[in-house]
């Protein structure tokens, strides 16, 4: 049985999608939850389980580091961090500008590096990190070169950090979801033809739900996953088995 009573977790992308679902689930297990939000409107969405979120640009490494430090100071200990914030641009490499490339890679990969770097000094022993990667980081995408590259890099970062932090009993894992019904996939789901084409390629025949990924994230930061580290765990309804 998972028990997270009085344990503290910091989540980026707390205000929507997988981050929101994970925050709610952690709180239901008795955890203290805080993290970053994208805009003021998200404050009301998370008010039920988080009183003091951090409204910031996660690519601002100093602001992110300060938020992690404040969280540790407020609750006394930090038991885990979960990197959920991400961005995608449905463009080929030829269509992607240098500015867009750097922004996507910096947000999806660089910000998670900074999150890990900042959190390491405050994390308890044992504790855990989880990053939300993507199946696209494993198989590529015809229309999201920058996103695919950033998620592939995140998988490598996960494995390297797992080796680096093992001696402190800090476990590091990533989740690689398939298509999930979140704001990130809203554009695709709004196009009936594109949506059906994608669903037809998924063995289970549907998009996943944010709660399904949240349950995996909570498992990975809990003691129930105490022997799991350095893994990129795919949750994609069988897409990558083909």
Protein backbone atom coordinates (compact mmCIF):
# COMPACT_ATOMS: atom_id res chain seq x y z
CA UNK A 1 0.00 0.00 0.00
CA UNK A 2 1.28 3.46 -0.88
CA UNK A 3 1.57 5.95 1.97
CA UNK A 4 2.83 9.47 1.32
CA UNK A 5 1.52 11.22 4.41
CA UNK A 6 3.51 14.37 5.20
CA UNK A 7 5.93 13.77 2.35
CA UNK A 8 6.65 16.78 0.13
CA UNK A 9 6.74 16.86 -3.67
CA UNK A 10 7.53 19.62 -6.15
CA UNK A 11 5.97 19.40 -9.62
CA UNK A 12 6.58 21.52 -12.69
CA UNK A 13 3.52 22.00 -14.89
CA UNK A 14 1.25 21.58 -11.86
CA UNK A 15 -1.64 23.56 -13.32
CA UNK A 16 -2.80 21.29 -16.14
CA UNK A 17 -2.69 17.86 -17.73
CA UNK A 18 -0.48 15.20 -16.20
CA UNK A 19 0.99 17.60 -13.64
CA UNK A 20 -2.47 18.51 -12.34
CA UNK A 21 -3.59 14.89 -12.17
CA UNK A 22 -0.38 13.90 -10.37
CA UNK A 23 -0.67 16.71 -7.85
CA UNK A 24 -4.24 15.79 -6.98
CA UNK A 25 -3.36 12.13 -6.59
CA UNK A 26 -0.34 12.83 -4.40
CA UNK A 27 -2.47 15.07 -2.17
CA UNK A 28 -5.09 12.32 -1.87
CA UNK A 29 -2.36 10.13 -0.39
CA UNK A 30 -1.62 12.78 2.25
CA UNK A 31 1.39 14.42 0.60
CA UNK A 32 2.32 18.09 0.62
CA UNK A 33 2.24 19.30 -2.97
CA UNK A 34 3.52 22.44 -4.62
CA UNK A 35 5.10 23.40 -7.91
CA UNK A 36 5.01 25.70 -10.89
CA UNK A 37 2.06 27.10 -12.82
CA UNK A 38 1.90 28.82 -16.18
CA UNK A 39 -0.57 31.64 -15.48
CA UNK A 40 -2.79 33.13 -12.78
CA UNK A 41 -5.87 31.23 -13.95
CA UNK A 42 -4.28 27.97 -12.84
CA UNK A 43 -4.23 29.07 -9.20
CA UNK A 44 -7.94 28.36 -8.81
CA UNK A 45 -7.59 24.97 -10.51
CA UNK A 46 -5.09 23.71 -7.93
CA UNK A 47 -6.39 25.61 -4.89
CA UNK A 48 -7.96 22.45 -3.45
CA UNK A 49 -4.55 20.87 -2.81
CA UNK A 50 -1.90 23.61 -3.22
CA UNK A 51 -2.02 26.98 -1.49
CA UNK A 52 1.32 28.39 -2.61
CA UNK A 53 2.22 27.54 -6.22
CA UNK A 54 5.00 29.34 -8.06
CA UNK A 55 4.05 31.38 -11.10
CA UNK A 56 7.25 31.40 -13.14
CA UNK A 57 8.94 30.57 -16.41
CA UNK A 58 10.63 27.23 -15.75
CA UNK A 59 13.39 28.10 -18.22
CA UNK A 60 14.42 30.80 -15.72
CA UNK A 61 16.88 28.63 -13.81
CA UNK A 62 17.33 31.09 -10.93
CA UNK A 63 13.58 31.42 -10.34
CA UNK A 64 13.13 27.66 -10.51
CA UNK A 65 15.99 27.04 -8.08
CA UNK A 66 14.54 29.56 -5.65
CA UNK A 67 11.13 27.89 -5.80
CA UNK A 68 12.67 24.50 -4.98
CA UNK A 69 14.67 26.03 -2.13
CA UNK A 70 11.57 27.78 -0.75
CA UNK A 71 9.63 24.51 -0.86
CA UNK A 72 12.31 22.70 1.12
CA UNK A 73 12.47 25.50 3.67
CA UNK A 74 8.69 25.67 4.08
CA UNK A 75 8.13 21.95 4.61
CA UNK A 76 11.49 21.02 6.11
CA UNK A 77 12.17 18.18 3.69
CA UNK A 78 11.79 17.36 0.02
CA UNK A 79 10.91 13.77 -0.89
CA UNK A 80 10.58 14.04 -4.64
CA UNK A 81 10.35 16.17 -7.76
CA UNK A 82 8.31 15.46 -10.88
CA UNK A 83 9.01 17.27 -14.14
CA UNK A 84 5.72 17.46 -16.03
CA UNK A 85 5.94 20.78 -17.88
CA UNK A 86 6.47 20.48 -21.59
CA UNK A 87 5.78 22.01 -24.98
CA UNK A 88 5.36 20.70 -28.51
CA UNK A 89 5.38 22.35 -31.92
CA UNK A 90 3.95 20.33 -34.80
CA UNK A 91 6.55 21.37 -37.35
CA UNK A 92 9.15 19.58 -39.41
CA UNK A 93 12.81 20.37 -38.88
CA UNK A 94 12.77 22.53 -42.02
CA UNK A 95 9.87 24.57 -40.65
CA UNK A 96 11.35 24.98 -37.17
CA UNK A 97 13.26 28.19 -36.57
CA UNK A 98 16.39 28.28 -34.44
CA UNK A 99 14.49 30.26 -31.83
CA UNK A 100 11.73 27.64 -31.67
CA UNK A 101 14.27 24.82 -31.52
CA UNK A 102 16.12 26.34 -28.57
CA UNK A 103 12.89 27.16 -26.73
CA UNK A 104 11.50 23.62 -27.03
CA UNK A 105 14.76 21.93 -26.09
CA UNK A 106 15.38 24.35 -23.23
CA UNK A 107 11.91 23.87 -21.76
CA UNK A 108 11.59 20.12 -22.23
CA UNK A 109 15.18 19.16 -21.45
CA UNK A 110 17.12 22.09 -20.02
CA UNK A 111 14.52 22.98 -17.39
CA UNK A 112 14.44 19.38 -16.17
CA UNK A 113 18.22 19.42 -15.85
CA UNK A 114 17.96 22.60 -13.78
CA UNK A 115 15.14 21.07 -11.70
CA UNK A 116 17.28 18.04 -10.92
CA UNK A 117 20.35 20.15 -10.22
CA UNK A 118 18.44 22.41 -7.83
CA UNK A 119 16.57 19.63 -6.07
CA UNK A 120 19.51 17.31 -5.47
CA UNK A 121 20.87 19.34 -2.56
CA UNK A 122 17.50 19.27 -0.76
CA UNK A 123 16.23 15.76 -1.44
CA UNK A 124 15.99 13.28 1.41
CA UNK A 125 17.64 9.90 1.32
CA UNK A 126 15.76 7.94 0.02
CA UNK A 127 13.80 10.03 -2.46
CA UNK A 128 12.90 10.09 -6.14
CA UNK A 129 12.77 12.09 -9.35
CA UNK A 130 10.37 11.41 -12.20
CA UNK A 131 10.37 13.11 -15.59
CA UNK A 132 7.55 12.99 -18.12
CA UNK A 133 9.17 12.06 -21.39
CA UNK A 134 7.27 10.71 -24.42
CA UNK A 135 7.05 7.71 -26.71
CA UNK A 136 8.13 10.19 -29.39
CA UNK A 137 11.52 10.31 -27.70
CA UNK A 138 11.86 6.61 -28.52
CA UNK A 139 10.39 6.32 -32.02
CA UNK A 140 10.57 9.85 -33.48
CA UNK A 141 7.87 11.88 -35.21
CA UNK A 142 7.46 13.12 -38.77
CA UNK A 143 6.23 16.51 -37.61
CA UNK A 144 7.91 17.28 -34.29
CA UNK A 145 11.69 17.08 -34.69
CA UNK A 146 12.55 19.44 -31.83
CA UNK A 147 10.15 17.74 -29.45
CA UNK A 148 11.49 14.28 -30.32
CA UNK A 149 15.07 15.43 -29.79
CA UNK A 150 14.27 17.03 -26.44
CA UNK A 151 12.53 13.92 -25.15
CA UNK A 152 15.32 11.62 -26.36
CA UNK A 153 17.72 13.85 -24.46
CA UNK A 154 15.52 13.64 -21.38
CA UNK A 155 15.74 9.85 -21.49
CA UNK A 156 19.53 10.08 -21.51
CA UNK A 157 19.49 12.59 -18.67
CA UNK A 158 17.29 10.23 -16.65
CA UNK A 159 19.67 7.31 -17.00
CA UNK A 160 22.75 9.40 -16.23
CA UNK A 161 21.21 10.98 -13.13
CA UNK A 162 20.12 7.55 -11.91
CA UNK A 163 23.74 6.38 -12.00
CA UNK A 164 25.04 9.60 -10.49
CA UNK A 165 22.59 9.71 -7.57
CA UNK A 166 22.30 6.00 -6.76
CA UNK A 167 24.85 6.23 -3.95
CA UNK A 168 22.52 8.70 -2.21
CA UNK A 169 19.52 6.41 -2.74
CA UNK A 170 17.84 8.98 -4.97
CA UNK A 171 15.99 7.09 -7.68
CA UNK A 172 15.49 8.67 -11.11
CA UNK A 173 13.01 7.43 -13.69
CA UNK A 174 11.07 8.72 -16.68
CA UNK A 175 7.63 7.94 -18.05
CA UNK A 176 7.13 7.89 -21.80
CA UNK A 177 3.40 8.33 -22.42
CA UNK A 178 1.67 7.75 -25.70
CA UNK A 179 -1.11 10.11 -26.82
CA UNK A 180 -2.88 11.46 -23.72
CA UNK A 181 -6.05 13.57 -23.62
CA UNK A 182 -4.44 16.76 -22.28
CA UNK A 183 -4.16 20.36 -23.52
CA UNK A 184 -1.00 19.36 -25.42
CA UNK A 185 -2.98 17.07 -27.72
CA UNK A 186 -6.04 19.29 -28.01
CA UNK A 187 -5.13 20.45 -31.53
CA UNK A 188 -4.81 16.88 -32.77
CA UNK A 189 -8.00 15.72 -31.09
CA UNK A 190 -9.92 18.64 -32.61
CA UNK A 191 -9.10 17.36 -36.11
CA UNK A 192 -11.42 14.34 -36.66
CA UNK A 193 -9.39 12.90 -39.52
CA UNK A 194 -6.03 13.26 -37.79
CA UNK A 195 -7.50 11.97 -34.52
CA UNK A 196 -8.92 8.84 -36.14
CA UNK A 197 -5.70 8.15 -38.03
CA UNK A 198 -3.80 8.22 -34.77
CA UNK A 199 -6.31 6.14 -32.82
CA UNK A 200 -6.23 3.50 -35.56
CA UNK A 201 -2.51 3.02 -34.86
CA UNK A 202 -2.97 2.48 -31.12
CA UNK A 203 -3.50 -1.18 -30.19
CA UNK A 204 -5.89 -0.35 -27.34
CA UNK A 205 -7.75 2.00 -29.68
CA UNK A 206 -7.89 5.15 -27.58
CA UNK A 207 -6.01 8.08 -26.09
CA UNK A 208 -4.89 7.72 -22.51
CA UNK A 209 -6.09 9.85 -19.62
CA UNK A 210 -3.89 12.06 -17.46
CA UNK A 211 -4.93 10.07 -14.38
CA UNK A 212 -3.46 6.92 -15.90
CA UNK A 213 -0.03 8.53 -16.14
CA UNK A 214 -0.40 10.14 -12.73
CA UNK A 215 -0.89 6.74 -11.11
CA UNK A 216 2.39 5.56 -12.60
CA UNK A 217 4.20 8.73 -11.48
CA UNK A 218 2.93 8.36 -7.92
CA UNK A 219 4.01 4.72 -7.87
CA UNK A 220 7.51 5.68 -9.01
CA UNK A 221 8.01 8.30 -6.28
CA UNK A 222 6.67 5.97 -3.60
CA UNK A 223 8.48 3.30 -1.61
CA UNK A 224 6.57 0.71 -3.65
CA UNK A 225 9.10 1.39 -6.44
CA UNK A 226 12.15 1.27 -4.17
CA UNK A 227 14.12 -1.05 -6.50
CA UNK A 228 13.41 0.83 -9.74
CA UNK A 229 15.79 3.45 -11.09
CA UNK A 230 17.25 4.52 -14.43
CA UNK A 231 14.19 3.36 -16.38
CA UNK A 232 12.13 4.95 -19.14
CA UNK A 233 8.76 3.30 -18.61
CA UNK A 234 6.49 3.39 -21.64
CA UNK A 235 2.73 3.84 -21.10
CA UNK A 236 1.37 4.07 -24.64
CA UNK A 237 -1.41 1.49 -25.05
CA UNK A 238 1.00 -0.71 -27.02
CA UNK A 239 1.96 1.77 -29.75
CA UNK A 240 5.71 1.16 -29.57
CA UNK A 241 5.34 -2.63 -29.67
CA UNK A 242 4.54 -2.44 -33.40
